[in-house]
């Protein structure tokens, strides 16, 4: 699976994003790390240019309520409905539903074991093989718990 890992907004703390990039590469995925301080427009353009299947968004700045839904909307309006979006970082539990409603399929907080993330991506691949909705713009009934 081709996965883009991005740091939206002004958040400059990227250690976690770099660790996830390495974990996913070690698990056999092709991973593109965008670097820090990307706008929703830049992230959407990278997704289109890289023809990626999934987008991991790392947020530690508290701007997740604005930036992540904006990125999801830009993906949908760019006809990238089948892209799987997942998020990680410091995202309070009370903000999860907003992100799920925008099309995010999983949220991984601090201390999440790397196997949990790779299991999520395996489930995504299985769902895609079975023609089940997984993408940001598809049926919003499924999410990883």
C-alpha atoms as a PDB file:
ATOM      1  CA  UNK A   1       0.000   0.000   0.000  1.00  0.00           C
ATOM      2  CA  UNK A   2       1.278   3.500  -0.798  1.00  0.00           C
ATOM      3  CA  UNK A   3       0.847   5.735   2.254  1.00  0.00           C
ATOM      4  CA  UNK A   4       1.521   9.433   2.752  1.00  0.00           C
ATOM      5  CA  UNK A   5       2.340  10.615   6.279  1.00  0.00           C
ATOM      6  CA  UNK A   6       1.781  14.360   6.719  1.00  0.00           C
ATOM      7  CA  UNK A   7       2.078  17.038   9.397  1.00  0.00           C
ATOM      8  CA  UNK A   8      -0.610  19.658   8.733  1.00  0.00           C
ATOM      9  CA  UNK A   9      -0.449  23.184  10.067  1.00  0.00           C
ATOM     10  CA  UNK A  10       2.258  24.852  12.103  1.00  0.00           C
ATOM     11  CA  UNK A  11       3.094  21.822  14.237  1.00  0.00           C
ATOM     12  CA  UNK A  12       6.851  21.264  14.053  1.00  0.00           C
ATOM     13  CA  UNK A  13       7.104  18.184  16.282  1.00  0.00           C
ATOM     14  CA  UNK A  14       7.628  15.330  13.848  1.00  0.00           C
ATOM     15  CA  UNK A  15       9.336  12.552  15.812  1.00  0.00           C
ATOM     16  CA  UNK A  16       6.137  10.469  15.991  1.00  0.00           C
ATOM     17  CA  UNK A  17       5.443  10.878  12.282  1.00  0.00           C
ATOM     18  CA  UNK A  18       8.978   9.745  11.475  1.00  0.00           C
ATOM     19  CA  UNK A  19       8.638   6.715  13.758  1.00  0.00           C
ATOM     20  CA  UNK A  20       5.348   5.715  12.096  1.00  0.00           C
ATOM     21  CA  UNK A  21       6.924   6.180   8.672  1.00  0.00           C
ATOM     22  CA  UNK A  22       9.689   3.735   9.611  1.00  0.00           C
ATOM     23  CA  UNK A  23       7.267   1.231  11.157  1.00  0.00           C
ATOM     24  CA  UNK A  24       5.077   1.203   8.060  1.00  0.00           C
ATOM     25  CA  UNK A  25       8.091   0.847   5.747  1.00  0.00           C
ATOM     26  CA  UNK A  26       9.347  -2.065   7.842  1.00  0.00           C
ATOM     27  CA  UNK A  27       5.888  -3.634   7.486  1.00  0.00           C
ATOM     28  CA  UNK A  28       6.300  -3.564   3.693  1.00  0.00           C
ATOM     29  CA  UNK A  29       4.400  -0.422   2.744  1.00  0.00           C
ATOM     30  CA  UNK A  30       5.642   2.304   0.448  1.00  0.00           C
ATOM     31  CA  UNK A  31       5.622   5.442   2.600  1.00  0.00           C
ATOM     32  CA  UNK A  32       6.106   9.070   1.612  1.00  0.00           C
ATOM     33  CA  UNK A  33       6.755  11.512   4.470  1.00  0.00           C
ATOM     34  CA  UNK A  34       5.866  15.108   3.527  1.00  0.00           C
ATOM     35  CA  UNK A  35       7.806  16.906   6.219  1.00  0.00           C
ATOM     36  CA  UNK A  36       6.363  19.489   8.584  1.00  0.00           C
ATOM     37  CA  UNK A  37       4.036  22.462   8.196  1.00  0.00           C
ATOM     38  CA  UNK A  38       1.975  21.393   5.197  1.00  0.00           C
ATOM     39  CA  UNK A  39      -1.261  23.112   4.219  1.00  0.00           C
ATOM     40  CA  UNK A  40      -4.397  21.111   3.389  1.00  0.00           C
ATOM     41  CA  UNK A  41      -3.888  22.126  -0.250  1.00  0.00           C
ATOM     42  CA  UNK A  42      -0.294  20.869  -0.266  1.00  0.00           C
ATOM     43  CA  UNK A  43      -1.289  17.575   1.339  1.00  0.00           C
ATOM     44  CA  UNK A  44      -4.078  17.052  -1.197  1.00  0.00           C
ATOM     45  CA  UNK A  45      -1.705  17.819  -4.066  1.00  0.00           C
ATOM     46  CA  UNK A  46       0.850  15.336  -2.690  1.00  0.00           C
ATOM     47  CA  UNK A  47      -1.853  12.666  -2.426  1.00  0.00           C
ATOM     48  CA  UNK A  48      -2.810  13.237  -6.063  1.00  0.00           C
ATOM     49  CA  UNK A  49       0.795  13.375  -7.298  1.00  0.00           C
ATOM     50  CA  UNK A  50       1.809  10.221  -5.407  1.00  0.00           C
ATOM     51  CA  UNK A  51      -1.405   8.330  -6.273  1.00  0.00           C
ATOM     52  CA  UNK A  52      -1.476   7.195  -2.643  1.00  0.00           C
ATOM     53  CA  UNK A  53      -3.991   4.786  -1.121  1.00  0.00           C
ATOM     54  CA  UNK A  54      -3.863   6.086   2.443  1.00  0.00           C
ATOM     55  CA  UNK A  55      -3.083   9.268   4.339  1.00  0.00           C
ATOM     56  CA  UNK A  56      -1.808   9.378   7.904  1.00  0.00           C
ATOM     57  CA  UNK A  57      -2.100  12.770   9.585  1.00  0.00           C
ATOM     58  CA  UNK A  58      -0.063  13.588  12.685  1.00  0.00           C
ATOM     59  CA  UNK A  59      -1.333  16.378  14.924  1.00  0.00           C
ATOM     60  CA  UNK A  60       0.126  17.661  18.163  1.00  0.00           C
ATOM     61  CA  UNK A  61      -0.789  21.330  17.876  1.00  0.00           C
ATOM     62  CA  UNK A  62      -4.499  21.247  18.705  1.00  0.00           C
ATOM     63  CA  UNK A  63      -5.535  22.345  15.208  1.00  0.00           C
ATOM     64  CA  UNK A  64      -6.871  18.895  14.315  1.00  0.00           C
ATOM     65  CA  UNK A  65     -10.532  20.004  14.562  1.00  0.00           C
ATOM     66  CA  UNK A  66     -10.028  22.451  11.693  1.00  0.00           C
ATOM     67  CA  UNK A  67      -7.222  21.011   9.583  1.00  0.00           C
ATOM     68  CA  UNK A  68      -8.159  17.334   9.405  1.00  0.00           C
ATOM     69  CA  UNK A  69     -11.791  17.887   8.319  1.00  0.00           C
ATOM     70  CA  UNK A  70     -10.544  20.455   5.779  1.00  0.00           C
ATOM     71  CA  UNK A  71      -8.109  17.896   4.329  1.00  0.00           C
ATOM     72  CA  UNK A  72     -10.873  15.278   4.185  1.00  0.00           C
ATOM     73  CA  UNK A  73     -13.133  17.698   2.310  1.00  0.00           C
ATOM     74  CA  UNK A  74     -10.357  18.584  -0.135  1.00  0.00           C
ATOM     75  CA  UNK A  75      -9.765  14.893  -0.839  1.00  0.00           C
ATOM     76  CA  UNK A  76     -13.473  14.368  -1.483  1.00  0.00           C
ATOM     77  CA  UNK A  77     -13.729  17.417  -3.742  1.00  0.00           C
ATOM     78  CA  UNK A  78     -10.649  16.150  -5.637  1.00  0.00           C
ATOM     79  CA  UNK A  79     -12.491  12.890  -6.386  1.00  0.00           C
ATOM     80  CA  UNK A  80     -10.277  10.881  -4.029  1.00  0.00           C
ATOM     81  CA  UNK A  81     -13.177   9.223  -2.202  1.00  0.00           C
ATOM     82  CA  UNK A  82     -11.390   5.887  -1.834  1.00  0.00           C
ATOM     83  CA  UNK A  83      -8.355   7.254   0.052  1.00  0.00           C
ATOM     84  CA  UNK A  84      -8.188   5.958   3.623  1.00  0.00           C
ATOM     85  CA  UNK A  85      -7.455   8.678   6.190  1.00  0.00           C
ATOM     86  CA  UNK A  86      -6.151   7.934   9.665  1.00  0.00           C
ATOM     87  CA  UNK A  87      -4.849  10.274  12.349  1.00  0.00           C
ATOM     88  CA  UNK A  88      -2.490  10.186  15.272  1.00  0.00           C
ATOM     89  CA  UNK A  89      -1.030  12.384  17.937  1.00  0.00           C
ATOM     90  CA  UNK A  90      -2.586  14.364  20.739  1.00  0.00           C
ATOM     91  CA  UNK A  91      -6.268  14.273  19.847  1.00  0.00           C
ATOM     92  CA  UNK A  92      -8.627  14.377  22.839  1.00  0.00           C
ATOM     93  CA  UNK A  93     -11.335  11.712  22.955  1.00  0.00           C
ATOM     94  CA  UNK A  94     -14.102  14.340  22.832  1.00  0.00           C
ATOM     95  CA  UNK A  95     -12.827  15.430  19.389  1.00  0.00           C
ATOM     96  CA  UNK A  96     -12.829  11.966  17.832  1.00  0.00           C
ATOM     97  CA  UNK A  97     -16.417  12.045  16.565  1.00  0.00           C
ATOM     98  CA  UNK A  98     -15.824  15.252  14.594  1.00  0.00           C
ATOM     99  CA  UNK A  99     -12.947  13.551  12.782  1.00  0.00           C
ATOM    100  CA  UNK A 100     -14.867  10.314  12.224  1.00  0.00           C
ATOM    101  CA  UNK A 101     -17.768  12.324  10.795  1.00  0.00           C
ATOM    102  CA  UNK A 102     -15.380  13.955   8.319  1.00  0.00           C
ATOM    103  CA  UNK A 103     -14.205  10.551   7.028  1.00  0.00           C
ATOM    104  CA  UNK A 104     -11.258   9.614   9.256  1.00  0.00           C
ATOM    105  CA  UNK A 105     -11.230   5.817   9.740  1.00  0.00           C
ATOM    106  CA  UNK A 106      -8.906   5.495  12.739  1.00  0.00           C
ATOM    107  CA  UNK A 107      -7.313   7.635  15.425  1.00  0.00           C
ATOM    108  CA  UNK A 108      -4.169   6.452  17.205  1.00  0.00           C
ATOM    109  CA  UNK A 109      -3.108   8.227  20.363  1.00  0.00           C
ATOM    110  CA  UNK A 110       0.098   8.244  22.391  1.00  0.00           C
ATOM    111  CA  UNK A 111       1.224   4.771  23.424  1.00  0.00           C
ATOM    112  CA  UNK A 112      -0.505   2.972  20.555  1.00  0.00           C
ATOM    113  CA  UNK A 113       1.390  -0.205  19.784  1.00  0.00           C
ATOM    114  CA  UNK A 114       2.784  -0.366  16.244  1.00  0.00           C
ATOM    115  CA  UNK A 115       0.981  -3.679  15.649  1.00  0.00           C
ATOM    116  CA  UNK A 116      -2.346  -1.900  16.094  1.00  0.00           C
ATOM    117  CA  UNK A 117      -1.581   0.425  13.192  1.00  0.00           C
ATOM    118  CA  UNK A 118      -0.363  -2.366  10.922  1.00  0.00           C
ATOM    119  CA  UNK A 119      -3.452  -4.441  11.843  1.00  0.00           C
ATOM    120  CA  UNK A 120      -5.627  -1.480  10.878  1.00  0.00           C
ATOM    121  CA  UNK A 121      -3.932  -1.261   7.474  1.00  0.00           C
ATOM    122  CA  UNK A 122      -4.323  -5.028   6.977  1.00  0.00           C
ATOM    123  CA  UNK A 123      -8.029  -4.670   7.700  1.00  0.00           C
ATOM    124  CA  UNK A 124      -8.226  -1.815   5.186  1.00  0.00           C
ATOM    125  CA  UNK A 125      -6.577  -4.001   2.531  1.00  0.00           C
ATOM    126  CA  UNK A 126      -8.997  -6.866   3.295  1.00  0.00           C
ATOM    127  CA  UNK A 127     -11.990  -4.544   3.098  1.00  0.00           C
ATOM    128  CA  UNK A 128     -10.791  -3.140  -0.233  1.00  0.00           C
ATOM    129  CA  UNK A 129     -10.335  -6.662  -1.636  1.00  0.00           C
ATOM    130  CA  UNK A 130     -13.911  -7.450  -0.622  1.00  0.00           C
ATOM    131  CA  UNK A 131     -15.225  -4.192  -2.145  1.00  0.00           C
ATOM    132  CA  UNK A 132     -16.245  -2.821   1.237  1.00  0.00           C
ATOM    133  CA  UNK A 133     -16.160   0.942   1.878  1.00  0.00           C
ATOM    134  CA  UNK A 134     -13.008   2.251   3.508  1.00  0.00           C
ATOM    135  CA  UNK A 135     -12.294   5.628   1.941  1.00  0.00           C
ATOM    136  CA  UNK A 136     -12.825   9.149   3.204  1.00  0.00           C
ATOM    137  CA  UNK A 137     -15.733   9.754   0.838  1.00  0.00           C
ATOM    138  CA  UNK A 138     -17.394   6.359   1.053  1.00  0.00           C
ATOM    139  CA  UNK A 139     -20.007   5.057   3.494  1.00  0.00           C
ATOM    140  CA  UNK A 140     -19.048   6.425   6.900  1.00  0.00           C
ATOM    141  CA  UNK A 141     -20.413   3.439   8.848  1.00  0.00           C
ATOM    142  CA  UNK A 142     -17.039   1.738   9.358  1.00  0.00           C
ATOM    143  CA  UNK A 143     -14.111   2.824  11.463  1.00  0.00           C
ATOM    144  CA  UNK A 144     -11.351   1.088  13.362  1.00  0.00           C
ATOM    145  CA  UNK A 145     -11.982   0.855  17.099  1.00  0.00           C
END
